[in-house]
Amino acid sequence: MRYSSCVCSSRRQFLQQLALGGALLGTWKMAEASRAALVLPRERPIVVCLDPGHGGHDPGAVGLRGTREKDVVLDVGLILAQHLRRTPGVQVLMTRQSDQYVPLLSRMHLGTQRRADLFISIHADAFPDPDVRGSTVWALSAKGASNAAARWLAKSQNSADPILSKWSTGRQDPLLNEVLINMTQTAAMNAAAAAADVMIRGLAGVEGLHNAAVQHANFVVLRAPDVPSMLVETAFISNPQEEQRLRDPEFRQTLARSMHDAIVAHFVKAPPTDSCWSAANHVLGHHETLKEVARRYGLSVQALRLANNLAQGEEPTGTHLRVPIMGA
């Protein structure tokens, strides 16, 4: 009995030591995994921040038939968000998802705080001349507004926020002026200009362009120092024909799809280096169509065209195409 007790006792100690060793081994493995995660961080998704303009007490521009800008752009933004969320490796932020007012600086800061790769403010603005029509894409520029109309439009947008009355009077914030010229914002502005160029080419197939080139103005929502930002005027609600189109749900769907294609094309051309997206080269095979290539890589034909600066029609065999490798 005594011998058996000793054996049992030794066996229990052995099993306890074995269990302790297993626990220590498990802890060590977890620590190693944690260290590996720190050394080799998981590639992040691309972050796109959508900003449907106005909202709440601020209706934005109102058309002759009573169409409110805040309602139109919210619908376009929500549809665009749905398309982006179905795109692998893309995370969507929205400054508003309902009829609420969000201050302009809060909109801008959301993109900065969440380290967005692209910030897009969506509008359907007005102009004193009802004949003005077409889409326009705006970006920030250290050189100031493109023209007098750009200055007028930026002033009208910025003055909608009572907190920003000091900017609407023409006074400048010295801190923002300092940030505007630093290297970080210069890089962000260059990236925004490239993305805006793709966007305006995408919109050209949906709505006639008011300006064929990217325009520049000092919109407050575009001032984030490290986030490429653009403002898209989808159409002018002050134009009776364009107001009618903006009232059409199918047209708003088309606008959102075109904007989605342009966003995808931009990131095919310039995927963030630390993101789960990358780009590859595809050589068009014999009898291979652009539709087949687009389907293979999970994007639309229009996005493939925009990413490769292609006109309408099929490309010859041997054409080199830039295509995306989309992370999950």
Protein backbone atom coordinates (compact mmCIF):
# COMPACT_ATOMS: atom_id res chain seq x y z
CA MET A 1 0.00 0.00 0.00
CA ARG A 2 2.76 2.38 0.89
CA TYR A 3 4.56 1.57 -2.35
CA SER A 4 1.38 2.11 -4.36
CA SER A 5 0.78 5.44 -2.62
CA CYS A 6 4.28 6.55 -3.52
CA VAL A 7 3.74 5.50 -7.10
CA CYS A 8 0.40 7.28 -7.24
CA SER A 9 1.92 10.36 -5.64
CA SER A 10 4.82 10.36 -8.09
CA ARG A 11 2.42 9.83 -10.95
CA ARG A 12 0.28 12.76 -9.82
CA GLN A 13 3.34 14.98 -9.56
CA PHE A 14 4.47 13.85 -12.99
CA LEU A 15 1.07 14.60 -14.50
CA GLN A 16 0.96 17.97 -12.74
CA GLN A 17 4.41 18.84 -14.07
CA LEU A 18 3.36 17.67 -17.53
CA ALA A 19 0.23 19.83 -17.39
CA LEU A 20 2.29 22.76 -16.14
CA GLY A 21 4.77 22.23 -18.95
CA GLY A 22 1.92 22.13 -21.48
CA ALA A 23 0.47 25.32 -20.09
CA LEU A 24 3.88 26.99 -20.20
CA LEU A 25 4.36 25.75 -23.75
CA GLY A 26 0.93 27.07 -24.71
CA THR A 27 1.74 30.43 -23.09
CA TRP A 28 5.08 30.53 -24.90
CA LYS A 29 3.39 29.77 -28.21
CA MET A 30 0.84 32.51 -27.60
CA ALA A 31 3.61 34.94 -26.75
CA GLU A 32 5.50 33.94 -29.87
CA ALA A 33 2.35 34.43 -31.94
CA SER A 34 1.86 37.84 -30.36
CA ARG A 35 5.45 38.80 -31.11
CA ALA A 36 5.04 37.55 -34.67
CA ALA A 37 1.91 39.62 -35.02
CA LEU A 38 3.84 42.65 -33.83
CA VAL A 39 6.70 41.97 -36.22
CA LEU A 40 4.48 41.04 -39.17
CA PRO A 41 1.19 42.95 -38.77
CA ARG A 42 -1.79 41.73 -40.73
CA GLU A 43 -2.33 43.78 -43.86
CA ARG A 44 -5.14 46.24 -43.31
CA PRO A 45 -8.17 46.98 -45.48
CA ILE A 46 -8.40 50.08 -47.63
CA VAL A 47 -10.45 52.71 -45.78
CA VAL A 48 -12.82 54.97 -47.72
CA CYS A 49 -14.70 57.75 -45.92
CA LEU A 50 -17.91 58.94 -47.60
CA ASP A 51 -19.37 62.31 -46.69
CA PRO A 52 -22.92 63.00 -47.93
CA GLY A 53 -23.13 66.78 -47.68
CA HIS A 54 -25.46 68.86 -45.50
CA GLY A 55 -28.23 67.15 -43.45
CA GLY A 56 -30.52 67.99 -40.55
CA HIS A 57 -31.32 71.70 -40.36
CA ASP A 58 -29.11 72.32 -43.41
CA PRO A 59 -30.96 71.18 -46.57
CA GLY A 60 -28.21 72.30 -48.90
CA ALA A 61 -29.38 73.56 -52.27
CA VAL A 62 -33.06 73.19 -53.17
CA GLY A 63 -34.28 72.76 -56.75
CA LEU A 64 -37.28 74.45 -58.36
CA ARG A 65 -39.36 71.32 -57.71
CA GLY A 66 -38.36 71.27 -54.04
CA THR A 67 -35.70 68.56 -54.33
CA ARG A 68 -33.31 68.91 -51.40
CA GLU A 69 -29.61 68.33 -51.89
CA LYS A 70 -29.23 66.66 -48.50
CA ASP A 71 -31.70 63.90 -49.47
CA VAL A 72 -30.23 63.23 -52.91
CA VAL A 73 -26.61 62.98 -51.78
CA LEU A 74 -27.46 60.81 -48.78
CA ASP A 75 -29.13 58.29 -51.09
CA VAL A 76 -26.15 58.30 -53.47
CA GLY A 77 -23.77 57.91 -50.53
CA LEU A 78 -25.67 54.96 -49.04
CA ILE A 79 -25.80 53.16 -52.39
CA LEU A 80 -22.10 53.80 -52.95
CA ALA A 81 -21.35 52.45 -49.47
CA GLN A 82 -23.22 49.22 -50.32
CA HIS A 83 -21.09 48.74 -53.44
CA LEU A 84 -17.87 49.41 -51.54
CA ARG A 85 -18.77 47.02 -48.72
CA ARG A 86 -19.19 44.26 -51.28
CA THR A 87 -15.68 44.95 -52.56
CA PRO A 88 -13.08 42.66 -50.92
CA GLY A 89 -10.57 44.41 -48.70
CA VAL A 90 -12.45 47.72 -48.42
CA GLN A 91 -13.76 49.27 -45.21
CA VAL A 92 -16.33 52.09 -45.39
CA LEU A 93 -16.80 55.02 -43.03
CA MET A 94 -19.69 57.47 -43.35
CA THR A 95 -19.92 60.91 -41.79
CA ARG A 96 -23.71 60.50 -41.68
CA GLN A 97 -26.14 57.70 -42.51
CA SER A 98 -29.37 59.55 -41.78
CA ASP A 99 -30.85 63.03 -41.92
CA GLN A 100 -28.57 64.59 -39.34
CA TYR A 101 -26.30 67.60 -39.36
CA VAL A 102 -22.58 67.02 -38.83
CA PRO A 103 -20.22 70.04 -38.52
CA LEU A 104 -17.72 70.37 -41.34
CA LEU A 105 -14.66 70.01 -39.12
CA SER A 106 -16.13 66.85 -37.55
CA ARG A 107 -16.53 65.36 -41.01
CA MET A 108 -12.93 66.13 -41.86
CA HIS A 109 -11.64 64.82 -38.51
CA LEU A 110 -13.42 61.47 -38.94
CA GLY A 111 -11.31 60.68 -41.99
CA THR A 112 -8.15 61.78 -40.18
CA GLN A 113 -8.84 59.86 -36.97
CA ARG A 114 -9.64 56.64 -38.83
CA ARG A 115 -6.68 57.05 -41.20
CA ALA A 116 -8.81 56.98 -44.33
CA ASP A 117 -7.08 56.32 -47.64
CA LEU A 118 -9.64 58.45 -49.47
CA PHE A 119 -12.26 60.98 -48.35
CA ILE A 120 -15.12 61.81 -50.73
CA SER A 121 -17.63 64.55 -50.01
CA ILE A 122 -20.77 64.14 -52.14
CA HIS A 123 -22.85 67.12 -53.27
CA ALA A 124 -25.42 68.25 -55.82
CA ASP A 125 -25.04 71.96 -55.52
CA ALA A 126 -26.57 75.07 -57.04
CA PHE A 127 -25.32 78.12 -58.89
CA PRO A 128 -26.97 81.49 -59.55
CA ASP A 129 -27.11 80.72 -63.28
CA PRO A 130 -29.73 77.93 -63.78
CA ASP A 131 -28.11 76.94 -67.08
CA VAL A 132 -24.99 75.70 -65.32
CA ARG A 133 -24.95 71.90 -65.40
CA GLY A 134 -22.70 68.86 -65.34
CA SER A 135 -20.44 67.08 -62.88
CA THR A 136 -17.40 68.67 -61.28
CA VAL A 137 -14.70 67.15 -59.07
CA TRP A 138 -12.85 69.37 -56.63
CA ALA A 139 -9.59 68.99 -54.74
CA LEU A 140 -7.64 71.22 -52.38
CA SER A 141 -4.74 73.21 -53.75
CA ALA A 142 -2.05 75.23 -52.03
CA LYS A 143 -2.35 77.71 -54.91
CA GLY A 144 -5.95 78.58 -54.05
CA ALA A 145 -9.17 78.55 -56.05
CA SER A 146 -9.25 77.77 -59.76
CA ASN A 147 -11.38 80.83 -60.53
CA ALA A 148 -13.94 83.26 -59.13
CA ALA A 149 -16.73 80.69 -59.36
CA ALA A 150 -14.66 78.26 -57.30
CA ARG A 151 -14.15 80.89 -54.61
CA TRP A 152 -17.89 81.64 -54.56
CA LEU A 153 -18.81 77.96 -54.27
CA ALA A 154 -16.31 77.25 -51.48
CA LYS A 155 -17.48 80.30 -49.55
CA SER A 156 -21.13 79.23 -49.82
CA GLN A 157 -20.34 75.68 -48.66
CA ASN A 158 -18.10 76.73 -45.78
CA SER A 159 -20.47 79.40 -44.51
CA ALA A 160 -23.22 76.79 -44.06
CA ASP A 161 -21.43 75.83 -40.83
CA PRO A 162 -21.92 78.56 -38.19
CA ILE A 163 -18.81 77.39 -36.34
CA LEU A 164 -16.76 78.36 -39.38
CA SER A 165 -17.94 81.94 -39.77
CA LYS A 166 -14.39 83.19 -39.35
CA TRP A 167 -13.36 81.38 -42.56
CA SER A 168 -16.31 82.73 -44.53
CA THR A 169 -15.17 86.28 -43.71
CA GLY A 170 -11.88 85.63 -45.41
CA ARG A 171 -9.70 85.43 -42.29
CA GLN A 172 -7.22 82.59 -42.28
CA ASP A 173 -6.26 80.15 -39.57
CA PRO A 174 -2.44 80.33 -39.29
CA LEU A 175 -2.22 76.71 -38.13
CA LEU A 176 -4.10 75.47 -41.18
CA ASN A 177 -1.94 77.62 -43.43
CA GLU A 178 1.15 76.07 -41.88
CA VAL A 179 -0.21 72.55 -42.29
CA LEU A 180 -1.20 73.30 -45.87
CA ILE A 181 2.39 73.68 -46.99
CA ASN A 182 3.97 70.78 -45.15
CA MET A 183 5.19 67.69 -46.94
CA THR A 184 2.47 65.40 -45.59
CA GLN A 185 -0.34 67.48 -47.00
CA THR A 186 1.50 67.98 -50.28
CA ALA A 187 1.60 64.20 -50.70
CA ALA A 188 -2.08 63.92 -49.74
CA MET A 189 -3.03 66.64 -52.23
CA ASN A 190 -1.09 64.93 -55.00
CA ALA A 191 -2.84 61.64 -54.26
CA ALA A 192 -6.20 63.42 -54.15
CA ALA A 193 -5.56 65.04 -57.52
CA ALA A 194 -4.77 61.63 -59.04
CA ALA A 195 -7.92 60.08 -57.54
CA ALA A 196 -10.03 63.06 -58.61
CA ASP A 197 -8.78 62.70 -62.17
CA VAL A 198 -9.98 59.09 -62.26
CA MET A 199 -13.29 60.13 -60.70
CA ILE A 200 -13.99 62.82 -63.28
CA ARG A 201 -13.23 60.40 -66.11
CA GLY A 202 -15.65 57.92 -64.56
CA LEU A 203 -18.43 60.49 -64.23
CA ALA A 204 -17.96 61.64 -67.81
CA GLY A 205 -19.79 58.56 -69.03
CA VAL A 206 -22.81 59.23 -66.82
CA GLU A 207 -23.34 62.97 -66.69
CA GLY A 208 -21.94 65.69 -68.91
CA LEU A 209 -19.00 67.41 -67.28
CA HIS A 210 -19.21 71.00 -66.17
CA ASN A 211 -15.41 71.02 -66.02
CA ALA A 212 -13.34 68.38 -67.79
CA ALA A 213 -10.38 69.01 -65.46
CA VAL A 214 -10.16 68.72 -61.69
CA GLN A 215 -11.02 72.05 -60.06
CA HIS A 216 -9.51 73.51 -56.90
CA ALA A 217 -11.08 75.41 -54.02
CA ASN A 218 -10.59 75.83 -50.27
CA PHE A 219 -13.41 73.61 -49.00
CA VAL A 220 -13.10 73.00 -45.26
CA VAL A 221 -13.90 69.28 -45.54
CA LEU A 222 -10.89 68.82 -47.84
CA ARG A 223 -8.33 70.29 -45.43
CA ALA A 224 -7.27 67.07 -43.67
CA PRO A 225 -3.46 67.20 -43.67
CA ASP A 226 -2.86 63.50 -44.34
CA VAL A 227 -6.00 62.19 -46.10
CA PRO A 228 -6.42 62.46 -49.89
CA SER A 229 -9.76 64.27 -50.18
CA MET A 230 -12.10 65.28 -52.98
CA LEU A 231 -15.52 66.87 -53.33
CA VAL A 232 -17.83 65.57 -56.06
CA GLU A 233 -20.60 67.75 -57.48
CA THR A 234 -22.69 64.99 -59.04
CA ALA A 235 -24.92 67.50 -60.88
CA PHE A 236 -26.42 70.95 -60.37
CA ILE A 237 -29.76 70.79 -58.64
CA SER A 238 -30.38 74.40 -59.72
CA ASN A 239 -30.63 73.21 -63.33
CA PRO A 240 -34.23 72.01 -64.02
CA GLN A 241 -33.15 69.12 -66.26
CA GLU A 242 -30.51 67.93 -63.83
CA GLU A 243 -32.89 68.24 -60.89
CA GLN A 244 -35.25 65.90 -62.73
CA ARG A 245 -32.45 63.38 -63.25
CA LEU A 246 -31.40 63.58 -59.61
CA ARG A 247 -34.97 62.75 -58.59
CA ASP A 248 -34.73 59.47 -60.53
CA PRO A 249 -33.61 56.53 -58.32
CA GLU A 250 -32.08 54.75 -61.34
CA PHE A 251 -29.92 57.78 -62.11
CA ARG A 252 -28.71 57.89 -58.51
CA GLN A 253 -27.88 54.18 -58.77
CA THR A 254 -25.89 54.89 -61.93
CA LEU A 255 -24.02 57.73 -60.24
CA ALA A 256 -23.08 55.49 -57.31
CA ARG A 257 -21.89 52.66 -59.58
CA SER A 258 -19.76 55.06 -61.61
CA MET A 259 -18.20 56.50 -58.46
CA HIS A 260 -17.51 52.98 -57.20
CA ASP A 261 -15.78 52.07 -60.46
CA ALA A 262 -13.60 55.17 -60.19
CA ILE A 263 -12.64 54.42 -56.57
CA VAL A 264 -11.69 50.83 -57.45
CA ALA A 265 -9.73 52.04 -60.48
CA HIS A 266 -7.82 54.55 -58.37
CA PHE A 267 -6.70 51.87 -55.92
CA VAL A 268 -5.78 49.53 -58.77
CA LYS A 269 -3.50 52.31 -60.02
CA ALA A 270 -2.17 53.18 -56.55
CA PRO A 271 -2.89 50.60 -53.82
CA PRO A 272 -1.68 51.71 -50.35
CA THR A 273 1.57 49.91 -49.61
CA ASP A 274 0.47 48.61 -46.19
CA SER A 275 -2.99 47.51 -47.33
CA CYS A 276 -4.30 44.10 -48.38
CA TRP A 277 -4.52 45.30 -52.00
CA SER A 278 -1.77 45.05 -54.55
CA ALA A 279 -1.56 45.23 -58.33
CA ALA A 280 -0.38 42.77 -60.96
CA ASN A 281 0.26 42.76 -64.68
CA HIS A 282 -2.06 40.77 -66.97
CA VAL A 283 -1.24 40.26 -70.62
CA LEU A 284 -4.35 40.04 -72.76
CA GLY A 285 -4.45 36.58 -74.37
CA HIS A 286 -5.59 35.50 -77.81
CA HIS A 287 -9.37 36.05 -78.16
CA GLU A 288 -9.52 37.14 -74.50
CA THR A 289 -11.96 39.98 -73.84
CA LEU A 290 -11.85 42.76 -71.28
CA LYS A 291 -15.07 41.41 -69.80
CA GLU A 292 -13.39 38.06 -69.14
CA VAL A 293 -10.39 39.76 -67.51
CA ALA A 294 -12.61 41.99 -65.39
CA ARG A 295 -14.64 39.02 -64.17
CA ARG A 296 -11.48 37.08 -63.34
CA TYR A 297 -10.12 39.86 -61.12
CA GLY A 298 -13.41 40.89 -59.53
CA LEU A 299 -14.01 44.34 -60.97
CA SER A 300 -16.21 45.90 -63.65
CA VAL A 301 -15.13 46.48 -67.23
CA GLN A 302 -15.44 50.23 -66.68
CA ALA A 303 -13.16 50.09 -63.62
CA LEU A 304 -10.64 48.08 -65.67
CA ARG A 305 -10.79 50.71 -68.41
CA LEU A 306 -10.36 53.58 -65.96
CA ALA A 307 -7.41 51.91 -64.23
CA ASN A 308 -5.64 51.45 -67.57
CA ASN A 309 -6.72 54.65 -69.35
CA LEU A 310 -8.49 52.65 -72.06
CA ALA A 311 -11.01 53.99 -74.54
CA GLN A 312 -14.17 52.10 -75.50
CA GLY A 313 -13.70 48.94 -77.57
CA GLU A 314 -11.57 45.83 -77.27
CA GLU A 315 -7.80 45.89 -76.91
CA PRO A 316 -5.40 43.87 -79.08
CA THR A 317 -3.79 40.61 -77.96
CA GLY A 318 -0.68 41.26 -75.92
CA THR A 319 -1.97 44.43 -74.25
CA HIS A 320 -0.57 44.81 -70.74
CA LEU A 321 -3.26 45.50 -68.16
CA ARG A 322 -2.87 46.59 -64.56
CA VAL A 323 -5.22 44.43 -62.46
CA PRO A 324 -5.95 44.24 -58.73
CA ILE A 325 -5.14 41.58 -56.20
CA MET A 326 -7.87 42.29 -53.64
CA GLY A 327 -7.42 41.17 -50.06
CA ALA A 328 -10.28 39.72 -48.02
